[in-house]
C-alpha atoms as a PDB file:
ATOM      1  CA  UNK A   1      -5.380   4.080   4.942  1.00  0.00           C
ATOM      2  CA  UNK A   2      -7.131   1.600   2.689  1.00  0.00           C
ATOM      3  CA  UNK A   3     -10.416   0.070   1.562  1.00  0.00           C
ATOM      4  CA  UNK A   4     -10.693  -3.470   0.256  1.00  0.00           C
ATOM      5  CA  UNK A   5     -13.124  -5.826  -1.397  1.00  0.00           C
ATOM      6  CA  UNK A   6     -13.474  -9.575  -1.346  1.00  0.00           C
ATOM      7  CA  UNK A   7     -13.228 -11.593  -4.549  1.00  0.00           C
ATOM      8  CA  UNK A   8     -17.012 -12.060  -4.487  1.00  0.00           C
ATOM      9  CA  UNK A   9     -17.683  -8.335  -4.188  1.00  0.00           C
ATOM     10  CA  UNK A  10     -15.140  -7.562  -6.920  1.00  0.00           C
ATOM     11  CA  UNK A  11     -16.883 -10.052  -9.237  1.00  0.00           C
ATOM     12  CA  UNK A  12     -20.245  -8.331  -8.593  1.00  0.00           C
ATOM     13  CA  UNK A  13     -18.743  -4.862  -9.216  1.00  0.00           C
ATOM     14  CA  UNK A  14     -17.247  -6.014 -12.537  1.00  0.00           C
ATOM     15  CA  UNK A  15     -20.545  -7.708 -13.548  1.00  0.00           C
ATOM     16  CA  UNK A  16     -22.579  -4.581 -12.711  1.00  0.00           C
ATOM     17  CA  UNK A  17     -20.198  -2.297 -14.583  1.00  0.00           C
ATOM     18  CA  UNK A  18     -20.334  -4.596 -17.628  1.00  0.00           C
ATOM     19  CA  UNK A  19     -24.119  -4.681 -17.543  1.00  0.00           C
ATOM     20  CA  UNK A  20     -24.201  -0.886 -17.154  1.00  0.00           C
ATOM     21  CA  UNK A  21     -21.938  -0.557 -20.168  1.00  0.00           C
ATOM     22  CA  UNK A  22     -19.790   2.211 -18.674  1.00  0.00           C
ATOM     23  CA  UNK A  23     -17.915   3.255 -15.565  1.00  0.00           C
ATOM     24  CA  UNK A  24     -14.457   2.903 -14.140  1.00  0.00           C
ATOM     25  CA  UNK A  25     -15.248   1.692 -10.619  1.00  0.00           C
ATOM     26  CA  UNK A  26     -17.312   2.017  -7.522  1.00  0.00           C
ATOM     27  CA  UNK A  27     -17.531   5.097  -5.237  1.00  0.00           C
ATOM     28  CA  UNK A  28     -18.016   4.522  -1.511  1.00  0.00           C
ATOM     29  CA  UNK A  29     -19.176   7.404   0.591  1.00  0.00           C
ATOM     30  CA  UNK A  30     -20.674   8.128   4.019  1.00  0.00           C
ATOM     31  CA  UNK A  31     -23.786  10.284   4.506  1.00  0.00           C
ATOM     32  CA  UNK A  32     -25.178  11.618   7.785  1.00  0.00           C
ATOM     33  CA  UNK A  33     -28.462   9.701   8.139  1.00  0.00           C
ATOM     34  CA  UNK A  34     -29.873   6.423   9.221  1.00  0.00           C
ATOM     35  CA  UNK A  35     -30.908   5.328  12.702  1.00  0.00           C
ATOM     36  CA  UNK A  36     -27.269   5.033  13.891  1.00  0.00           C
ATOM     37  CA  UNK A  37     -25.885   8.359  12.552  1.00  0.00           C
ATOM     38  CA  UNK A  38     -24.090   7.474   9.326  1.00  0.00           C
ATOM     39  CA  UNK A  39     -25.252   5.567   6.247  1.00  0.00           C
ATOM     40  CA  UNK A  40     -23.118   4.002   3.520  1.00  0.00           C
ATOM     41  CA  UNK A  41     -23.597   5.220  -0.034  1.00  0.00           C
ATOM     42  CA  UNK A  42     -22.535   3.354  -3.160  1.00  0.00           C
ATOM     43  CA  UNK A  43     -22.596   4.519  -6.719  1.00  0.00           C
ATOM     44  CA  UNK A  44     -20.871   3.673  -9.931  1.00  0.00           C
ATOM     45  CA  UNK A  45     -18.134   6.102 -10.936  1.00  0.00           C
ATOM     46  CA  UNK A  46     -17.637   7.223 -14.488  1.00  0.00           C
ATOM     47  CA  UNK A  47     -14.497   9.086 -13.459  1.00  0.00           C
ATOM     48  CA  UNK A  48     -12.656   9.969 -10.293  1.00  0.00           C
ATOM     49  CA  UNK A  49     -13.899  13.178  -8.626  1.00  0.00           C
ATOM     50  CA  UNK A  50     -11.273  15.764  -7.538  1.00  0.00           C
ATOM     51  CA  UNK A  51     -11.801  14.884  -3.860  1.00  0.00           C
ATOM     52  CA  UNK A  52     -11.603  11.144  -4.416  1.00  0.00           C
ATOM     53  CA  UNK A  53      -8.851   8.867  -3.214  1.00  0.00           C
ATOM     54  CA  UNK A  54      -8.493   5.789  -5.425  1.00  0.00           C
ATOM     55  CA  UNK A  55      -7.800   2.231  -4.325  1.00  0.00           C
ATOM     56  CA  UNK A  56      -7.414  -0.818  -6.499  1.00  0.00           C
ATOM     57  CA  UNK A  57      -8.313  -4.151  -5.025  1.00  0.00           C
ATOM     58  CA  UNK A  58      -9.105  -7.487  -6.694  1.00  0.00           C
ATOM     59  CA  UNK A  59      -8.918  -5.816 -10.068  1.00  0.00           C
ATOM     60  CA  UNK A  60     -11.535  -3.087  -9.388  1.00  0.00           C
ATOM     61  CA  UNK A  61     -11.179   0.594  -8.743  1.00  0.00           C
ATOM     62  CA  UNK A  62     -12.682   1.972  -5.545  1.00  0.00           C
ATOM     63  CA  UNK A  63     -13.126   5.696  -5.030  1.00  0.00           C
ATOM     64  CA  UNK A  64     -13.621   7.301  -1.595  1.00  0.00           C
ATOM     65  CA  UNK A  65     -14.079  11.027  -0.856  1.00  0.00           C
ATOM     66  CA  UNK A  66     -11.194  12.182   1.367  1.00  0.00           C
ATOM     67  CA  UNK A  67     -13.574  13.429   4.042  1.00  0.00           C
ATOM     68  CA  UNK A  68     -15.225   9.964   4.269  1.00  0.00           C
ATOM     69  CA  UNK A  69     -11.997   7.970   4.451  1.00  0.00           C
ATOM     70  CA  UNK A  70     -11.452   8.320   8.206  1.00  0.00           C
ATOM     71  CA  UNK A  71     -14.899   6.632   8.755  1.00  0.00           C
ATOM     72  CA  UNK A  72     -14.236   3.924   6.142  1.00  0.00           C
ATOM     73  CA  UNK A  73     -10.485   3.235   6.718  1.00  0.00           C
ATOM     74  CA  UNK A  74      -9.936  -0.473   6.967  1.00  0.00           C
ATOM     75  CA  UNK A  75     -13.415  -1.338   5.660  1.00  0.00           C
ATOM     76  CA  UNK A  76     -13.807  -4.534   3.623  1.00  0.00           C
ATOM     77  CA  UNK A  77     -16.707  -4.751   1.198  1.00  0.00           C
ATOM     78  CA  UNK A  78     -18.129  -8.223   0.707  1.00  0.00           C
ATOM     79  CA  UNK A  79     -20.954  -9.705  -1.312  1.00  0.00           C
ATOM     80  CA  UNK A  80     -23.200 -11.996   0.740  1.00  0.00           C
ATOM     81  CA  UNK A  81     -26.344 -14.019   0.303  1.00  0.00           C
ATOM     82  CA  UNK A  82     -28.623 -14.312   3.364  1.00  0.00           C
ATOM     83  CA  UNK A  83     -31.729 -16.359   2.639  1.00  0.00           C
ATOM     84  CA  UNK A  84     -33.386 -14.868  -0.453  1.00  0.00           C
ATOM     85  CA  UNK A  85     -31.460 -11.585  -0.205  1.00  0.00           C
ATOM     86  CA  UNK A  86     -28.063 -10.763  -1.498  1.00  0.00           C
ATOM     87  CA  UNK A  87     -26.010  -7.636  -1.546  1.00  0.00           C
ATOM     88  CA  UNK A  88     -22.971  -5.797  -0.342  1.00  0.00           C
ATOM     89  CA  UNK A  89     -21.974  -6.056   3.295  1.00  0.00           C
ATOM     90  CA  UNK A  90     -19.611  -3.643   4.976  1.00  0.00           C
ATOM     91  CA  UNK A  91     -17.095  -4.932   7.507  1.00  0.00           C
ATOM     92  CA  UNK A  92     -16.082  -1.597   9.059  1.00  0.00           C
ATOM     93  CA  UNK A  93     -13.644  -1.704  12.004  1.00  0.00           C
ATOM     94  CA  UNK A  94     -14.492   1.889  12.848  1.00  0.00           C
ATOM     95  CA  UNK A  95     -18.183   1.176  13.498  1.00  0.00           C
ATOM     96  CA  UNK A  96     -18.900   1.102  17.227  1.00  0.00           C
ATOM     97  CA  UNK A  97     -22.544   0.153  16.577  1.00  0.00           C
ATOM     98  CA  UNK A  98     -24.760  -0.716  13.609  1.00  0.00           C
ATOM     99  CA  UNK A  99     -28.490  -0.662  13.138  1.00  0.00           C
ATOM    100  CA  UNK A 100     -30.441  -3.901  12.804  1.00  0.00           C
ATOM    101  CA  UNK A 101     -30.602  -3.665   9.054  1.00  0.00           C
ATOM    102  CA  UNK A 102     -26.860  -3.002   8.638  1.00  0.00           C
ATOM    103  CA  UNK A 103     -27.460   0.073   6.550  1.00  0.00           C
ATOM    104  CA  UNK A 104     -26.185   2.601   9.101  1.00  0.00           C
ATOM    105  CA  UNK A 105     -23.515   2.786  11.741  1.00  0.00           C
ATOM    106  CA  UNK A 106     -22.153   4.898  14.593  1.00  0.00           C
ATOM    107  CA  UNK A 107     -18.539   5.638  15.476  1.00  0.00           C
END
């Protein structure tokens, strides 16, 4: 089981951590919500939580709660610019459907 990031996403994570002035990586999680059932949650991690599984990709640390990993396994996090907007985009092979805004998904 694994989670990965693209070089663009890794660069943005490093940039945000440097601007923040602290943190060891990015925590990815799944919450029950959104119009499709599950929503992605991102937050900076100052340390690994006891339930976290750690992954290193492109020089950044990613932390995922063990109970969220089955929903995120194989996911690739990218940084994209679409028109005037830019942000993280999840390429999740487990998602059977996503909402129009891309913020939530169903399995």
